[in-house]
Every structure is written in structure tokens, then in C-alpha cells.
Amino acid sequence: MKRTNIIYWAVTALVALQLIMAGVMYFTNPEVVSGFVHLGFPDYFRQELGIAKLIAAVLIIVPMVPLRVKEWTYAGVAITFLSAFIAHTSVDGVATAIAPMISLVLLVVSYIYLHKRNATSALAGA
């Protein structure tokens, strides 16, 4: 249980930190703004995605959020990372799309360990 908790919190903290940093940078970094233009996205999409990433970071990291809400959050973030991979690959080639895939792998590990923690907690409480 201890190892599961350590892995879960370490990976989940990395994902949440990445989401927070991205969400903030979407509003503050001019290079990110030009990156969205380069990929062909409208400006409102950048703002919408920034807000969504900030909300997702909170929902993933706060322990009292219901599991069903966390699962939908994981699904939404996974779709975001897959979409980023497709957008970067389509415009600039696969070499520029490695970061979203690394983020997706971390998200999957966090999701797996979320359920391992819940299964272990359920067994311990029974």
C-alpha cells in the first residue's frame, strides 16, 4: 500500500503540476499564443483549454473529489494529450509530439495507481 501511494502521489503531482504550468502559460506566455496560431487554432480555444487544464489539475489532485468526477477528468485530459499529439504531428512532424505522449503515459500511470489505491483501500476496509 505504501509503495502504491508513493507512486500515485508522485506521478499525480507531476501531472497536476504540468497541467497548472500549461494552464498558466496559455495566458501569460506570448510564445504559447504564437504556437496556437502556428497550429491553426483560434485564440478562444487557447483560453478555453487553459481554463480546462487548471480545473483538471485541481480535480485530479484534491482527494475528496468523487471517483466518477476524477475518471471523467482523466478522460478529458487524455483526449487533450492525444489531440495535442495529433496536432503537433500533423503540422510539424512526430518529433515535436513527444511531450504530449510523455504526459499521456504519466496520466495513464496516475490513473492505474488511482484504482490500485482504491482497490487496496476497499480490501483493507472490508
N, C-alpha and C. Protein backbone atom coordinates (compact mmCIF):
# COMPACT_ATOMS: atom_id res chain seq x y z
N MET A 1 0.81 -1.20 0.00
CA MET A 1 0.00 0.00 0.00
C MET A 1 0.86 1.26 0.00
N LYS A 2 1.94 1.23 0.78
CA LYS A 2 2.79 2.42 0.87
C LYS A 2 3.43 2.73 -0.49
N ARG A 3 3.94 1.70 -1.17
CA ARG A 3 4.57 1.89 -2.48
C ARG A 3 3.54 2.42 -3.49
N THR A 4 2.35 1.87 -3.44
CA THR A 4 1.27 2.31 -4.33
C THR A 4 0.96 3.78 -4.10
N ASN A 5 0.86 4.19 -2.84
CA ASN A 5 0.58 5.59 -2.52
C ASN A 5 1.70 6.51 -2.99
N ILE A 6 2.92 6.10 -2.79
CA ILE A 6 4.06 6.93 -3.20
C ILE A 6 4.06 7.12 -4.71
N ILE A 7 3.89 6.03 -5.45
CA ILE A 7 3.87 6.12 -6.91
C ILE A 7 2.69 6.99 -7.36
N TYR A 8 1.51 6.73 -6.78
CA TYR A 8 0.33 7.50 -7.17
C TYR A 8 0.54 9.00 -6.95
N TRP A 9 0.95 9.37 -5.74
CA TRP A 9 1.07 10.80 -5.44
C TRP A 9 2.20 11.46 -6.21
N ALA A 10 3.31 10.75 -6.43
CA ALA A 10 4.42 11.34 -7.18
C ALA A 10 4.01 11.61 -8.63
N VAL A 11 3.41 10.62 -9.26
CA VAL A 11 3.03 10.77 -10.67
C VAL A 11 1.87 11.75 -10.81
N THR A 12 0.91 11.67 -9.92
CA THR A 12 -0.24 12.57 -9.98
C THR A 12 0.19 14.02 -9.74
N ALA A 13 1.12 14.23 -8.84
CA ALA A 13 1.64 15.58 -8.61
C ALA A 13 2.34 16.11 -9.85
N LEU A 14 3.10 15.26 -10.54
CA LEU A 14 3.75 15.68 -11.79
C LEU A 14 2.72 16.07 -12.84
N VAL A 15 1.69 15.26 -12.99
CA VAL A 15 0.64 15.56 -13.97
C VAL A 15 -0.06 16.87 -13.61
N ALA A 16 -0.43 17.01 -12.34
CA ALA A 16 -1.12 18.23 -11.91
C ALA A 16 -0.24 19.46 -12.10
N LEU A 17 1.04 19.34 -11.76
CA LEU A 17 1.97 20.45 -11.95
C LEU A 17 2.09 20.81 -13.42
N GLN A 18 2.17 19.81 -14.26
CA GLN A 18 2.26 20.05 -15.70
C GLN A 18 1.00 20.75 -16.21
N LEU A 19 -0.16 20.32 -15.72
CA LEU A 19 -1.42 20.95 -16.13
C LEU A 19 -1.49 22.40 -15.65
N ILE A 20 -1.07 22.64 -14.43
CA ILE A 20 -1.09 24.01 -13.90
C ILE A 20 -0.14 24.91 -14.68
N MET A 21 1.07 24.41 -14.93
CA MET A 21 2.05 25.21 -15.67
C MET A 21 1.53 25.51 -17.08
N ALA A 22 0.96 24.51 -17.74
CA ALA A 22 0.42 24.73 -19.08
C ALA A 22 -0.73 25.73 -19.04
N GLY A 23 -1.64 25.54 -18.08
CA GLY A 23 -2.78 26.44 -17.97
C GLY A 23 -2.36 27.88 -17.76
N VAL A 24 -1.38 28.10 -16.91
CA VAL A 24 -0.89 29.46 -16.66
C VAL A 24 -0.18 30.01 -17.90
N MET A 25 0.65 29.19 -18.51
CA MET A 25 1.40 29.65 -19.69
C MET A 25 0.48 29.99 -20.86
N TYR A 26 -0.66 29.33 -20.95
CA TYR A 26 -1.61 29.63 -22.03
C TYR A 26 -2.10 31.08 -21.95
N PHE A 27 -2.04 31.67 -20.75
CA PHE A 27 -2.49 33.05 -20.57
C PHE A 27 -1.36 34.06 -20.48
N THR A 28 -0.14 33.60 -20.18
CA THR A 28 0.93 34.54 -19.89
C THR A 28 2.10 34.52 -20.87
N ASN A 29 2.26 33.47 -21.64
CA ASN A 29 3.43 33.32 -22.48
C ASN A 29 3.10 33.61 -23.95
N PRO A 30 3.68 34.67 -24.52
CA PRO A 30 3.40 35.00 -25.92
C PRO A 30 3.83 33.90 -26.90
N GLU A 31 4.84 33.11 -26.54
CA GLU A 31 5.27 32.02 -27.42
C GLU A 31 4.18 30.95 -27.53
N VAL A 32 3.45 30.73 -26.46
CA VAL A 32 2.36 29.76 -26.49
C VAL A 32 1.24 30.28 -27.39
N VAL A 33 0.98 31.58 -27.30
CA VAL A 33 -0.04 32.18 -28.16
C VAL A 33 0.33 31.99 -29.62
N SER A 34 1.58 32.27 -29.97
CA SER A 34 2.00 32.10 -31.36
C SER A 34 2.03 30.63 -31.76
N GLY A 35 2.29 29.74 -30.79
CA GLY A 35 2.24 28.30 -31.07
C GLY A 35 0.85 27.83 -31.45
N PHE A 36 -0.16 28.36 -30.77
CA PHE A 36 -1.54 28.02 -31.12
C PHE A 36 -1.90 28.54 -32.50
N VAL A 37 -1.43 29.75 -32.81
CA VAL A 37 -1.67 30.31 -34.14
C VAL A 37 -0.98 29.44 -35.19
N HIS A 38 0.25 29.03 -34.92
CA HIS A 38 1.01 28.17 -35.83
C HIS A 38 0.29 26.85 -36.10
N LEU A 39 -0.34 26.30 -35.06
CA LEU A 39 -1.07 25.04 -35.23
C LEU A 39 -2.43 25.24 -35.88
N GLY A 40 -2.85 26.50 -36.03
CA GLY A 40 -4.10 26.79 -36.73
C GLY A 40 -5.32 26.87 -35.82
N PHE A 41 -5.11 27.00 -34.52
CA PHE A 41 -6.23 27.08 -33.59
C PHE A 41 -6.64 28.53 -33.35
N PRO A 42 -7.92 28.78 -33.13
CA PRO A 42 -8.36 30.14 -32.78
C PRO A 42 -7.96 30.49 -31.35
N ASP A 43 -7.91 31.77 -31.06
CA ASP A 43 -7.45 32.22 -29.75
C ASP A 43 -8.36 31.78 -28.61
N TYR A 44 -9.67 31.71 -28.87
CA TYR A 44 -10.58 31.30 -27.80
C TYR A 44 -10.31 29.87 -27.36
N PHE A 45 -9.81 29.03 -28.25
CA PHE A 45 -9.52 27.64 -27.90
C PHE A 45 -8.37 27.58 -26.89
N ARG A 46 -7.38 28.43 -27.08
CA ARG A 46 -6.26 28.51 -26.13
C ARG A 46 -6.76 28.89 -24.74
N GLN A 47 -7.62 29.87 -24.68
CA GLN A 47 -8.16 30.32 -23.40
C GLN A 47 -9.03 29.24 -22.76
N GLU A 48 -9.86 28.63 -23.55
CA GLU A 48 -10.73 27.55 -23.08
C GLU A 48 -9.90 26.39 -22.54
N LEU A 49 -8.88 26.02 -23.27
CA LEU A 49 -8.01 24.91 -22.87
C LEU A 49 -7.21 25.26 -21.61
N GLY A 50 -6.79 26.50 -21.49
CA GLY A 50 -6.08 26.93 -20.29
C GLY A 50 -6.94 26.81 -19.05
N ILE A 51 -8.17 27.25 -19.14
CA ILE A 51 -9.10 27.13 -18.01
C ILE A 51 -9.36 25.66 -17.69
N ALA A 52 -9.59 24.86 -18.72
CA ALA A 52 -9.87 23.44 -18.52
C ALA A 52 -8.70 22.73 -17.85
N LYS A 53 -7.47 23.06 -18.23
CA LYS A 53 -6.31 22.42 -17.62
C LYS A 53 -6.15 22.81 -16.16
N LEU A 54 -6.44 24.06 -15.83
CA LEU A 54 -6.35 24.48 -14.43
C LEU A 54 -7.41 23.77 -13.58
N ILE A 55 -8.61 23.66 -14.10
CA ILE A 55 -9.67 22.94 -13.38
C ILE A 55 -9.31 21.46 -13.24
N ALA A 56 -8.80 20.86 -14.31
CA ALA A 56 -8.42 19.44 -14.28
C ALA A 56 -7.35 19.17 -13.24
N ALA A 57 -6.38 20.07 -13.12
CA ALA A 57 -5.32 19.89 -12.13
C ALA A 57 -5.90 19.82 -10.72
N VAL A 58 -6.84 20.69 -10.44
CA VAL A 58 -7.47 20.70 -9.11
C VAL A 58 -8.26 19.41 -8.89
N LEU A 59 -9.04 19.01 -9.89
CA LEU A 59 -9.88 17.82 -9.73
C LEU A 59 -9.05 16.55 -9.56
N ILE A 60 -7.91 16.47 -10.22
CA ILE A 60 -7.07 15.28 -10.12
C ILE A 60 -6.35 15.22 -8.78
N ILE A 61 -5.94 16.36 -8.25
CA ILE A 61 -5.07 16.35 -7.06
C ILE A 61 -5.84 16.38 -5.74
N VAL A 62 -7.04 16.94 -5.72
CA VAL A 62 -7.81 17.06 -4.47
C VAL A 62 -8.41 15.70 -4.11
N PRO A 63 -8.09 15.17 -2.92
CA PRO A 63 -8.53 13.82 -2.55
C PRO A 63 -10.04 13.64 -2.41
N MET A 64 -10.78 14.68 -2.00
CA MET A 64 -12.20 14.48 -1.74
C MET A 64 -13.10 14.58 -2.97
N VAL A 65 -12.50 14.74 -4.14
CA VAL A 65 -13.28 14.75 -5.38
C VAL A 65 -13.76 13.31 -5.63
N PRO A 66 -15.05 13.13 -5.93
CA PRO A 66 -15.57 11.77 -6.17
C PRO A 66 -14.85 11.06 -7.31
N LEU A 67 -14.74 9.76 -7.19
CA LEU A 67 -14.03 8.95 -8.18
C LEU A 67 -14.59 9.13 -9.59
N ARG A 68 -15.89 9.19 -9.71
CA ARG A 68 -16.51 9.34 -11.03
C ARG A 68 -16.07 10.65 -11.69
N VAL A 69 -15.98 11.71 -10.92
CA VAL A 69 -15.53 13.00 -11.45
C VAL A 69 -14.07 12.91 -11.86
N LYS A 70 -13.25 12.26 -11.03
CA LYS A 70 -11.84 12.07 -11.38
C LYS A 70 -11.70 11.29 -12.68
N GLU A 71 -12.50 10.24 -12.84
CA GLU A 71 -12.41 9.43 -14.06
C GLU A 71 -12.74 10.25 -15.30
N TRP A 72 -13.78 11.08 -15.23
CA TRP A 72 -14.10 11.94 -16.37
C TRP A 72 -13.00 12.96 -16.62
N THR A 73 -12.38 13.42 -15.56
CA THR A 73 -11.27 14.36 -15.70
C THR A 73 -10.10 13.69 -16.41
N TYR A 74 -9.77 12.47 -15.97
CA TYR A 74 -8.69 11.73 -16.64
C TYR A 74 -9.02 11.54 -18.11
N ALA A 75 -10.27 11.20 -18.43
CA ALA A 75 -10.66 11.00 -19.83
C ALA A 75 -10.48 12.29 -20.63
N GLY A 76 -10.92 13.40 -20.09
CA GLY A 76 -10.79 14.67 -20.79
C GLY A 76 -9.34 15.07 -21.02
N VAL A 77 -8.52 14.87 -20.01
CA VAL A 77 -7.10 15.21 -20.14
C VAL A 77 -6.42 14.27 -21.15
N ALA A 78 -6.80 13.00 -21.14
CA ALA A 78 -6.23 12.06 -22.11
C ALA A 78 -6.59 12.48 -23.53
N ILE A 79 -7.82 12.89 -23.74
CA ILE A 79 -8.24 13.37 -25.07
C ILE A 79 -7.42 14.61 -25.45
N THR A 80 -7.17 15.48 -24.50
CA THR A 80 -6.38 16.68 -24.76
C THR A 80 -4.96 16.32 -25.18
N PHE A 81 -4.33 15.38 -24.46
CA PHE A 81 -2.96 14.99 -24.81
C PHE A 81 -2.91 14.28 -26.17
N LEU A 82 -3.90 13.43 -26.45
CA LEU A 82 -3.95 12.77 -27.75
C LEU A 82 -4.16 13.79 -28.87
N SER A 83 -5.02 14.76 -28.64
CA SER A 83 -5.26 15.81 -29.63
C SER A 83 -4.01 16.66 -29.86
N ALA A 84 -3.27 16.94 -28.79
CA ALA A 84 -2.02 17.68 -28.93
C ALA A 84 -1.02 16.89 -29.77
N PHE A 85 -0.95 15.58 -29.51
CA PHE A 85 -0.06 14.72 -30.30
C PHE A 85 -0.43 14.79 -31.78
N ILE A 86 -1.71 14.67 -32.09
CA ILE A 86 -2.16 14.71 -33.48
C ILE A 86 -1.88 16.06 -34.11
N ALA A 87 -2.18 17.15 -33.40
CA ALA A 87 -1.97 18.49 -33.95
C ALA A 87 -0.49 18.75 -34.24
N HIS A 88 0.37 18.43 -33.27
CA HIS A 88 1.80 18.66 -33.47
C HIS A 88 2.36 17.77 -34.58
N THR A 89 1.93 16.52 -34.62
CA THR A 89 2.40 15.61 -35.67
C THR A 89 1.95 16.09 -37.04
N SER A 90 0.71 16.53 -37.15
CA SER A 90 0.17 16.97 -38.43
C SER A 90 0.88 18.20 -38.98
N VAL A 91 1.24 19.11 -38.10
CA VAL A 91 1.82 20.38 -38.55
C VAL A 91 3.34 20.32 -38.63
N ASP A 92 3.99 19.78 -37.60
CA ASP A 92 5.45 19.85 -37.53
C ASP A 92 6.17 18.50 -37.52
N GLY A 93 5.44 17.42 -37.57
CA GLY A 93 6.08 16.10 -37.57
C GLY A 93 6.10 15.48 -36.18
N VAL A 94 6.32 14.18 -36.16
CA VAL A 94 6.21 13.41 -34.93
C VAL A 94 7.26 13.79 -33.88
N ALA A 95 8.39 14.32 -34.30
CA ALA A 95 9.45 14.67 -33.35
C ALA A 95 8.99 15.77 -32.38
N THR A 96 8.06 16.61 -32.81
CA THR A 96 7.57 17.68 -31.94
C THR A 96 6.43 17.22 -31.03
N ALA A 97 5.99 15.99 -31.20
CA ALA A 97 4.82 15.49 -30.46
C ALA A 97 5.20 14.53 -29.34
N ILE A 98 6.45 14.50 -28.96
CA ILE A 98 6.89 13.57 -27.92
C ILE A 98 6.38 14.01 -26.54
N ALA A 99 6.38 15.30 -26.26
CA ALA A 99 5.96 15.80 -24.94
C ALA A 99 4.52 15.40 -24.59
N PRO A 100 3.55 15.55 -25.51
CA PRO A 100 2.20 15.11 -25.15
C PRO A 100 2.11 13.60 -24.88
N MET A 101 2.93 12.82 -25.55
CA MET A 101 2.90 11.37 -25.31
C MET A 101 3.49 11.02 -23.95
N ILE A 102 4.54 11.73 -23.56
CA ILE A 102 5.11 11.51 -22.22
C ILE A 102 4.08 11.89 -21.16
N SER A 103 3.40 13.01 -21.39
CA SER A 103 2.34 13.43 -20.47
C SER A 103 1.22 12.40 -20.40
N LEU A 104 0.87 11.83 -21.54
CA LEU A 104 -0.17 10.81 -21.58
C LEU A 104 0.24 9.56 -20.80
N VAL A 105 1.49 9.16 -20.93
CA VAL A 105 1.99 7.99 -20.19
C VAL A 105 1.91 8.26 -18.68
N LEU A 106 2.33 9.44 -18.25
CA LEU A 106 2.24 9.79 -16.83
C LEU A 106 0.79 9.79 -16.36
N LEU A 107 -0.11 10.30 -17.19
CA LEU A 107 -1.53 10.31 -16.85
C LEU A 107 -2.07 8.90 -16.70
N VAL A 108 -1.69 8.01 -17.58
CA VAL A 108 -2.14 6.61 -17.51
C VAL A 108 -1.62 5.94 -16.25
N VAL A 109 -0.36 6.18 -15.91
CA VAL A 109 0.20 5.61 -14.68
C VAL A 109 -0.57 6.14 -13.47
N SER A 110 -0.86 7.43 -13.45
CA SER A 110 -1.62 8.02 -12.36
C SER A 110 -3.00 7.36 -12.26
N TYR A 111 -3.65 7.17 -13.37
CA TYR A 111 -4.98 6.56 -13.41
C TYR A 111 -4.95 5.12 -12.90
N ILE A 112 -3.96 4.36 -13.33
CA ILE A 112 -3.83 2.97 -12.89
C ILE A 112 -3.63 2.92 -11.38
N TYR A 113 -2.76 3.76 -10.87
CA TYR A 113 -2.48 3.75 -9.44
C TYR A 113 -3.62 4.35 -8.61
N LEU A 114 -4.41 5.21 -9.20
CA LEU A 114 -5.62 5.68 -8.53
C LEU A 114 -6.52 4.48 -8.21
N HIS A 115 -6.71 3.63 -9.19
CA HIS A 115 -7.56 2.46 -8.99
C HIS A 115 -6.91 1.40 -8.12
N LYS A 116 -5.59 1.27 -8.18
CA LYS A 116 -4.91 0.35 -7.27
C LYS A 116 -5.09 0.80 -5.83
N ARG A 117 -4.98 2.10 -5.59
CA ARG A 117 -5.18 2.64 -4.23
C ARG A 117 -6.61 2.36 -3.75
N ASN A 118 -7.58 2.60 -4.63
CA ASN A 118 -8.97 2.40 -4.23
C ASN A 118 -9.27 0.92 -3.98
N ALA A 119 -8.70 0.03 -4.78
CA ALA A 119 -8.91 -1.40 -4.57
C ALA A 119 -8.27 -1.84 -3.25
N THR A 120 -7.09 -1.34 -2.97
CA THR A 120 -6.41 -1.68 -1.72
C THR A 120 -7.17 -1.14 -0.52
N SER A 121 -7.69 0.09 -0.64
CA SER A 121 -8.47 0.69 0.45
C SER A 121 -9.76 -0.09 0.69
N ALA A 122 -10.38 -0.54 -0.40
CA ALA A 122 -11.63 -1.30 -0.25
C ALA A 122 -11.37 -2.63 0.42
N LEU A 123 -10.25 -3.27 0.09
CA LEU A 123 -9.90 -4.56 0.71
C LEU A 123 -9.56 -4.37 2.19
N ALA A 124 -8.87 -3.28 2.50
CA ALA A 124 -8.48 -3.03 3.87
C ALA A 124 -9.70 -2.69 4.75
N GLY A 125 -10.70 -2.04 4.14
CA GLY A 125 -11.89 -1.66 4.88
C GLY A 125 -12.89 -2.80 5.03
N ALA A 126 -12.73 -3.86 4.26
CA ALA A 126 -13.69 -4.98 4.32
C ALA A 126 -13.47 -5.91 5.46
